Every structure is written in C-alpha cells, then in structure tokens.
PDB file of all heavy atoms in Angstrom:
ATOM      1  N   GLU A   1      22.598   7.316 -11.125  1.00  0.00           N
ATOM      2  CA  GLU A   1      22.749   8.646 -10.545  1.00  0.00           C
ATOM      3  C   GLU A   1      23.032   8.518  -9.052  1.00  0.00           C
ATOM      4  O   GLU A   1      22.405   7.723  -8.350  1.00  0.00           O
ATOM      5  CB  GLU A   1      21.481   9.450 -10.779  1.00  0.00           C
ATOM      6  CG  GLU A   1      21.620  10.938 -10.525  1.00  0.00           C
ATOM      7  CD  GLU A   1      20.403  11.706 -11.012  1.00  0.00           C
ATOM      8  OE1 GLU A   1      19.717  11.241 -11.938  1.00  0.00           O
ATOM      9  OE2 GLU A   1      20.151  12.791 -10.444  1.00  0.00           O
ATOM     10  N   ALA A   2      23.972   9.292  -8.555  1.00  0.00           N
ATOM     11  CA  ALA A   2      24.407   9.161  -7.166  1.00  0.00           C
ATOM     12  C   ALA A   2      23.342   9.642  -6.196  1.00  0.00           C
ATOM     13  O   ALA A   2      22.652  10.642  -6.434  1.00  0.00           O
ATOM     14  CB  ALA A   2      25.696   9.965  -6.961  1.00  0.00           C
ATOM     15  N   ALA A   3      23.208   8.905  -5.090  1.00  0.00           N
ATOM     16  CA  ALA A   3      22.310   9.283  -3.998  1.00  0.00           C
ATOM     17  C   ALA A   3      22.717   8.484  -2.774  1.00  0.00           C
ATOM     18  O   ALA A   3      23.235   7.375  -2.883  1.00  0.00           O
ATOM     19  CB  ALA A   3      20.853   9.019  -4.351  1.00  0.00           C
ATOM     20  N   GLU A   4      22.483   9.063  -1.606  1.00  0.00           N
ATOM     21  CA  GLU A   4      22.755   8.344  -0.367  1.00  0.00           C
ATOM     22  C   GLU A   4      21.766   7.178  -0.218  1.00  0.00           C
ATOM     23  O   GLU A   4      20.664   7.226  -0.767  1.00  0.00           O
ATOM     24  CB  GLU A   4      22.620   9.289   0.830  1.00  0.00           C
ATOM     25  CG  GLU A   4      23.683  10.366   0.891  1.00  0.00           C
ATOM     26  CD  GLU A   4      25.072   9.781   1.113  1.00  0.00           C
ATOM     27  OE1 GLU A   4      25.192   8.876   1.961  1.00  0.00           O
ATOM     28  OE2 GLU A   4      26.009  10.220   0.428  1.00  0.00           O
ATOM     29  N   PRO A   5      22.160   6.129   0.512  1.00  0.00           N
ATOM     30  CA  PRO A   5      21.220   5.017   0.735  1.00  0.00           C
ATOM     31  C   PRO A   5      19.910   5.509   1.351  1.00  0.00           C
ATOM     32  O   PRO A   5      19.884   6.465   2.129  1.00  0.00           O
ATOM     33  CB  PRO A   5      21.984   4.107   1.705  1.00  0.00           C
ATOM     34  CG  PRO A   5      23.427   4.395   1.431  1.00  0.00           C
ATOM     35  CD  PRO A   5      23.484   5.866   1.111  1.00  0.00           C
ATOM     36  N   PHE A   6      18.837   4.829   0.996  1.00  0.00           N
ATOM     37  CA  PHE A   6      17.507   5.206   1.460  1.00  0.00           C
ATOM     38  C   PHE A   6      17.077   4.306   2.622  1.00  0.00           C
ATOM     39  O   PHE A   6      17.604   3.211   2.817  1.00  0.00           O
ATOM     40  CB  PHE A   6      16.505   5.111   0.312  1.00  0.00           C
ATOM     41  CG  PHE A   6      16.719   6.151  -0.751  1.00  0.00           C
ATOM     42  CD1 PHE A   6      17.651   5.951  -1.763  1.00  0.00           C
ATOM     43  CD2 PHE A   6      16.010   7.336  -0.737  1.00  0.00           C
ATOM     44  CE1 PHE A   6      17.865   6.911  -2.740  1.00  0.00           C
ATOM     45  CE2 PHE A   6      16.208   8.306  -1.712  1.00  0.00           C
ATOM     46  CZ  PHE A   6      17.146   8.090  -2.710  1.00  0.00           C
ATOM     47  N   ASP A   7      16.099   4.792   3.377  1.00  0.00           N
ATOM     48  CA  ASP A   7      15.585   4.014   4.507  1.00  0.00           C
ATOM     49  C   ASP A   7      14.632   2.919   4.051  1.00  0.00           C
ATOM     50  O   ASP A   7      14.601   1.823   4.618  1.00  0.00           O
ATOM     51  CB  ASP A   7      14.863   4.937   5.497  1.00  0.00           C
ATOM     52  CG  ASP A   7      15.784   5.999   6.062  1.00  0.00           C
ATOM     53  OD1 ASP A   7      16.849   5.632   6.581  1.00  0.00           O
ATOM     54  OD2 ASP A   7      15.446   7.194   5.956  1.00  0.00           O
ATOM     55  N   CYS A   8      13.829   3.221   3.036  1.00  0.00           N
ATOM     56  CA  CYS A   8      12.866   2.249   2.519  1.00  0.00           C
ATOM     57  C   CYS A   8      12.805   2.366   1.003  1.00  0.00           C
ATOM     58  O   CYS A   8      12.636   3.470   0.469  1.00  0.00           O
ATOM     59  CB  CYS A   8      11.479   2.471   3.114  1.00  0.00           C
ATOM     60  SG  CYS A   8      10.236   1.295   2.507  1.00  0.00           S
ATOM     61  N   ILE A   9      12.945   1.234   0.332  1.00  0.00           N
ATOM     62  CA  ILE A   9      12.819   1.183  -1.123  1.00  0.00           C
ATOM     63  C   ILE A   9      11.534   0.439  -1.459  1.00  0.00           C
ATOM     64  O   ILE A   9      11.367  -0.730  -1.097  1.00  0.00           O
ATOM     65  CB  ILE A   9      14.032   0.485  -1.768  1.00  0.00           C
ATOM     66  CG1 ILE A   9      15.298   1.307  -1.516  1.00  0.00           C
ATOM     67  CG2 ILE A   9      13.803   0.283  -3.257  1.00  0.00           C
ATOM     68  CD1 ILE A   9      16.555   0.712  -2.105  1.00  0.00           C
ATOM     69  N   ILE A  10      10.602   1.126  -2.109  1.00  0.00           N
ATOM     70  CA  ILE A  10       9.339   0.529  -2.533  1.00  0.00           C
ATOM     71  C   ILE A  10       9.479   0.108  -3.985  1.00  0.00           C
ATOM     72  O   ILE A  10       9.717   0.942  -4.868  1.00  0.00           O
ATOM     73  CB  ILE A  10       8.176   1.518  -2.366  1.00  0.00           C
ATOM     74  CG1 ILE A  10       7.997   1.897  -0.890  1.00  0.00           C
ATOM     75  CG2 ILE A  10       6.882   0.916  -2.917  1.00  0.00           C
ATOM     76  CD1 ILE A  10       6.904   2.926  -0.644  1.00  0.00           C
ATOM     77  N   LEU A  11       9.348  -1.192  -4.238  1.00  0.00           N
ATOM     78  CA  LEU A  11       9.463  -1.729  -5.586  1.00  0.00           C
ATOM     79  C   LEU A  11       8.082  -1.804  -6.222  1.00  0.00           C
ATOM     80  O   LEU A  11       7.203  -2.511  -5.731  1.00  0.00           O
ATOM     81  CB  LEU A  11      10.080  -3.124  -5.561  1.00  0.00           C
ATOM     82  CG  LEU A  11      11.552  -3.238  -5.163  1.00  0.00           C
ATOM     83  CD1 LEU A  11      11.980  -4.694  -5.170  1.00  0.00           C
ATOM     84  CD2 LEU A  11      12.433  -2.426  -6.100  1.00  0.00           C
ATOM     85  N   ALA A  12       7.890  -1.090  -7.312  1.00  0.00           N
ATOM     86  CA  ALA A  12       6.597  -1.056  -7.995  1.00  0.00           C
ATOM     87  C   ALA A  12       6.827  -1.189  -9.494  1.00  0.00           C
ATOM     88  O   ALA A  12       6.449  -0.321 -10.276  1.00  0.00           O
ATOM     89  CB  ALA A  12       5.848   0.231  -7.672  1.00  0.00           C
ATOM     90  N   VAL A  13       7.467  -2.303  -9.881  1.00  0.00           N
ATOM     91  CA  VAL A  13       7.767  -2.571 -11.282  1.00  0.00           C
ATOM     92  C   VAL A  13       7.165  -3.910 -11.670  1.00  0.00           C
ATOM     93  O   VAL A  13       6.746  -4.691 -10.814  1.00  0.00           O
ATOM     94  CB  VAL A  13       9.283  -2.591 -11.537  1.00  0.00           C
ATOM     95  CG1 VAL A  13       9.893  -1.222 -11.256  1.00  0.00           C
ATOM     96  CG2 VAL A  13       9.974  -3.666 -10.692  1.00  0.00           C
ATOM     97  N   LYS A  14       7.142  -4.210 -12.944  1.00  0.00           N
ATOM     98  CA  LYS A  14       6.717  -5.527 -13.405  1.00  0.00           C
ATOM     99  C   LYS A  14       7.805  -6.551 -13.083  1.00  0.00           C
ATOM    100  O   LYS A  14       8.997  -6.240 -13.115  1.00  0.00           O
ATOM    101  CB  LYS A  14       6.442  -5.510 -14.909  1.00  0.00           C
ATOM    102  CG  LYS A  14       5.254  -4.639 -15.302  1.00  0.00           C
ATOM    103  CD  LYS A  14       3.938  -5.203 -14.797  1.00  0.00           C
ATOM    104  CE  LYS A  14       2.756  -4.418 -15.345  1.00  0.00           C
ATOM    105  NZ  LYS A  14       1.454  -4.953 -14.873  1.00  0.00           N
ATOM    106  N   ALA A  15       7.384  -7.778 -12.815  1.00  0.00           N
ATOM    107  CA  ALA A  15       8.314  -8.804 -12.369  1.00  0.00           C
ATOM    108  C   ALA A  15       9.395  -9.097 -13.399  1.00  0.00           C
ATOM    109  O   ALA A  15      10.539  -9.418 -13.034  1.00  0.00           O
ATOM    110  CB  ALA A  15       7.551 -10.084 -12.042  1.00  0.00           C
ATOM    111  N   TYR A  16       9.077  -8.976 -14.693  1.00  0.00           N
ATOM    112  CA  TYR A  16      10.075  -9.295 -15.716  1.00  0.00           C
ATOM    113  C   TYR A  16      11.208  -8.274 -15.767  1.00  0.00           C
ATOM    114  O   TYR A  16      12.237  -8.511 -16.390  1.00  0.00           O
ATOM    115  CB  TYR A  16       9.433  -9.460 -17.096  1.00  0.00           C
ATOM    116  CG  TYR A  16       8.398  -8.418 -17.464  1.00  0.00           C
ATOM    117  CD1 TYR A  16       8.761  -7.128 -17.843  1.00  0.00           C
ATOM    118  CD2 TYR A  16       7.039  -8.728 -17.430  1.00  0.00           C
ATOM    119  CE1 TYR A  16       7.819  -6.187 -18.180  1.00  0.00           C
ATOM    120  CE2 TYR A  16       6.072  -7.782 -17.769  1.00  0.00           C
ATOM    121  CZ  TYR A  16       6.460  -6.523 -18.146  1.00  0.00           C
ATOM    122  OH  TYR A  16       5.520  -5.575 -18.470  1.00  0.00           O
ATOM    123  N   HIS A  17      11.052  -7.120 -15.106  1.00  0.00           N
ATOM    124  CA  HIS A  17      12.141  -6.134 -15.039  1.00  0.00           C
ATOM    125  C   HIS A  17      13.110  -6.415 -13.884  1.00  0.00           C
ATOM    126  O   HIS A  17      14.224  -5.884 -13.869  1.00  0.00           O
ATOM    127  CB  HIS A  17      11.573  -4.720 -14.856  1.00  0.00           C
ATOM    128  CG  HIS A  17      10.853  -4.184 -16.043  1.00  0.00           C
ATOM    129  ND1 HIS A  17      11.387  -4.210 -17.310  1.00  0.00           N
ATOM    130  CD2 HIS A  17       9.631  -3.602 -16.156  1.00  0.00           C
ATOM    131  CE1 HIS A  17      10.528  -3.656 -18.160  1.00  0.00           C
ATOM    132  NE2 HIS A  17       9.462  -3.293 -17.486  1.00  0.00           N
ATOM    133  N   LEU A  18      12.681  -7.210 -12.915  1.00  0.00           N
ATOM    134  CA  LEU A  18      13.423  -7.336 -11.666  1.00  0.00           C
ATOM    135  C   LEU A  18      14.838  -7.890 -11.820  1.00  0.00           C
ATOM    136  O   LEU A  18      15.769  -7.352 -11.208  1.00  0.00           O
ATOM    137  CB  LEU A  18      12.620  -8.171 -10.668  1.00  0.00           C
ATOM    138  CG  LEU A  18      13.081  -8.113  -9.211  1.00  0.00           C
ATOM    139  CD1 LEU A  18      13.081  -6.678  -8.701  1.00  0.00           C
ATOM    140  CD2 LEU A  18      12.166  -8.978  -8.347  1.00  0.00           C
ATOM    141  N   PRO A  19      15.079  -8.961 -12.597  1.00  0.00           N
ATOM    142  CA  PRO A  19      16.445  -9.490 -12.680  1.00  0.00           C
ATOM    143  C   PRO A  19      17.485  -8.470 -13.127  1.00  0.00           C
ATOM    144  O   PRO A  19      18.593  -8.413 -12.583  1.00  0.00           O
ATOM    145  CB  PRO A  19      16.306 -10.645 -13.687  1.00  0.00           C
ATOM    146  CG  PRO A  19      14.888 -11.080 -13.563  1.00  0.00           C
ATOM    147  CD  PRO A  19      14.114  -9.809 -13.327  1.00  0.00           C
ATOM    148  N   LEU A  20      17.140  -7.641 -14.110  1.00  0.00           N
ATOM    149  CA  LEU A  20      18.076  -6.625 -14.586  1.00  0.00           C
ATOM    150  C   LEU A  20      18.139  -5.419 -13.658  1.00  0.00           C
ATOM    151  O   LEU A  20      19.141  -4.692 -13.639  1.00  0.00           O
ATOM    152  CB  LEU A  20      17.686  -6.172 -15.997  1.00  0.00           C
ATOM    153  CG  LEU A  20      17.811  -7.223 -17.110  1.00  0.00           C
ATOM    154  CD1 LEU A  20      17.323  -6.656 -18.430  1.00  0.00           C
ATOM    155  CD2 LEU A  20      19.248  -7.712 -17.235  1.00  0.00           C
ATOM    156  N   LEU A  21      17.091  -5.222 -12.880  1.00  0.00           N
ATOM    157  CA  LEU A  21      17.000  -4.056 -12.010  1.00  0.00           C
ATOM    158  C   LEU A  21      17.806  -4.217 -10.724  1.00  0.00           C
ATOM    159  O   LEU A  21      18.351  -3.232 -10.202  1.00  0.00           O
ATOM    160  CB  LEU A  21      15.530  -3.810 -11.661  1.00  0.00           C
ATOM    161  CG  LEU A  21      15.208  -2.703 -10.666  1.00  0.00           C
ATOM    162  CD1 LEU A  21      15.623  -1.347 -11.224  1.00  0.00           C
ATOM    163  CD2 LEU A  21      13.723  -2.710 -10.332  1.00  0.00           C
ATOM    164  N   GLN A  22      17.909  -5.435 -10.211  1.00  0.00           N
ATOM    165  CA  GLN A  22      18.515  -5.646  -8.895  1.00  0.00           C
ATOM    166  C   GLN A  22      19.936  -5.070  -8.777  1.00  0.00           C
ATOM    167  O   GLN A  22      20.230  -4.397  -7.780  1.00  0.00           O
ATOM    168  CB  GLN A  22      18.498  -7.136  -8.543  1.00  0.00           C
ATOM    169  CG  GLN A  22      17.107  -7.627  -8.191  1.00  0.00           C
ATOM    170  CD  GLN A  22      17.044  -9.110  -7.887  1.00  0.00           C
ATOM    171  OE1 GLN A  22      16.228  -9.571  -7.090  1.00  0.00           O
ATOM    172  NE2 GLN A  22      17.893  -9.889  -8.539  1.00  0.00           N
ATOM    173  N   PRO A  23      20.818  -5.259  -9.744  1.00  0.00           N
ATOM    174  CA  PRO A  23      22.150  -4.657  -9.608  1.00  0.00           C
ATOM    175  C   PRO A  23      22.124  -3.137  -9.532  1.00  0.00           C
ATOM    176  O   PRO A  23      22.957  -2.526  -8.852  1.00  0.00           O
ATOM    177  CB  PRO A  23      22.887  -5.138 -10.869  1.00  0.00           C
ATOM    178  CG  PRO A  23      22.142  -6.348 -11.310  1.00  0.00           C
ATOM    179  CD  PRO A  23      20.716  -6.110 -10.947  1.00  0.00           C
ATOM    180  N   ASP A  24      21.160  -2.515 -10.215  1.00  0.00           N
ATOM    181  CA  ASP A  24      21.062  -1.053 -10.212  1.00  0.00           C
ATOM    182  C   ASP A  24      20.617  -0.498  -8.870  1.00  0.00           C
ATOM    183  O   ASP A  24      20.834   0.683  -8.576  1.00  0.00           O
ATOM    184  CB  ASP A  24      20.084  -0.588 -11.300  1.00  0.00           C
ATOM    185  CG  ASP A  24      20.586  -0.877 -12.705  1.00  0.00           C
ATOM    186  OD1 ASP A  24      21.815  -0.830 -12.899  1.00  0.00           O
ATOM    187  OD2 ASP A  24      19.757  -1.153 -13.583  1.00  0.00           O
ATOM    188  N   LEU A  25      19.979  -1.337  -8.046  1.00  0.00           N
ATOM    189  CA  LEU A  25      19.490  -0.877  -6.744  1.00  0.00           C
ATOM    190  C   LEU A  25      20.580  -0.874  -5.678  1.00  0.00           C
ATOM    191  O   LEU A  25      20.459  -0.165  -4.677  1.00  0.00           O
ATOM    192  CB  LEU A  25      18.335  -1.766  -6.274  1.00  0.00           C
ATOM    193  CG  LEU A  25      17.032  -1.696  -7.050  1.00  0.00           C
ATOM    194  CD1 LEU A  25      16.011  -2.648  -6.442  1.00  0.00           C
ATOM    195  CD2 LEU A  25      16.490  -0.280  -7.063  1.00  0.00           C
ATOM    196  N   ALA A  26      21.609  -1.679  -5.894  1.00  0.00           N
ATOM    197  CA  ALA A  26      22.620  -1.886  -4.854  1.00  0.00           C
ATOM    198  C   ALA A  26      23.200  -0.587  -4.284  1.00  0.00           C
ATOM    199  O   ALA A  26      23.367  -0.475  -3.055  1.00  0.00           O
ATOM    200  CB  ALA A  26      23.734  -2.787  -5.383  1.00  0.00           C
ATOM    201  N   PRO A  27      23.519   0.442  -5.091  1.00  0.00           N
ATOM    202  CA  PRO A  27      24.109   1.664  -4.510  1.00  0.00           C
ATOM    203  C   PRO A  27      23.176   2.419  -3.567  1.00  0.00           C
ATOM    204  O   PRO A  27      23.645   3.242  -2.773  1.00  0.00           O
ATOM    205  CB  PRO A  27      24.429   2.521  -5.747  1.00  0.00           C
ATOM    206  CG  PRO A  27      24.484   1.567  -6.887  1.00  0.00           C
ATOM    207  CD  PRO A  27      23.483   0.510  -6.562  1.00  0.00           C
ATOM    208  N   TYR A  28      21.880   2.150  -3.636  1.00  0.00           N
ATOM    209  CA  TYR A  28      20.913   2.898  -2.843  1.00  0.00           C
ATOM    210  C   TYR A  28      20.498   2.146  -1.576  1.00  0.00           C
ATOM    211  O   TYR A  28      19.620   2.600  -0.837  1.00  0.00           O
ATOM    212  CB  TYR A  28      19.675   3.207  -3.681  1.00  0.00           C
ATOM    213  CG  TYR A  28      20.012   3.846  -5.008  1.00  0.00           C
ATOM    214  CD1 TYR A  28      19.698   3.217  -6.212  1.00  0.00           C
ATOM    215  CD2 TYR A  28      20.684   5.064  -5.069  1.00  0.00           C
ATOM    216  CE1 TYR A  28      20.028   3.791  -7.426  1.00  0.00           C
ATOM    217  CE2 TYR A  28      21.021   5.641  -6.276  1.00  0.00           C
ATOM    218  CZ  TYR A  28      20.688   5.006  -7.462  1.00  0.00           C
ATOM    219  OH  TYR A  28      21.028   5.578  -8.663  1.00  0.00           O
ATOM    220  N   ILE A  29      21.142   1.012  -1.331  1.00  0.00           N
ATOM    221  CA  ILE A  29      20.784   0.170  -0.194  1.00  0.00           C
ATOM    222  C   ILE A  29      21.896   0.219   0.849  1.00  0.00           C
ATOM    223  O   ILE A  29      23.052  -0.114   0.564  1.00  0.00           O
ATOM    224  CB  ILE A  29      20.525  -1.278  -0.642  1.00  0.00           C
ATOM    225  CG1 ILE A  29      19.303  -1.309  -1.562  1.00  0.00           C
ATOM    226  CG2 ILE A  29      20.311  -2.199   0.554  1.00  0.00           C
ATOM    227  CD1 ILE A  29      18.981  -2.670  -2.126  1.00  0.00           C
TER     228      ILE A  29
END
C-alpha cells in the first residue's frame, strides 16, 4: 500500500519473518 517514507520504522516482528519482509519495507524508507 502506498505511503510516503517514514522518519522512523520500528520493527516488532519475529526474526523468521525478516528475510521476506525486508523487500516490502523498501518503499517506506
């Protein structure tokens, strides 16, 4: 979902989700 980049991204997920999650974060950084 579209959104402007954020000032701070707080990651609060389980570690096993992180590899698949990282590409999804790129548009918000």
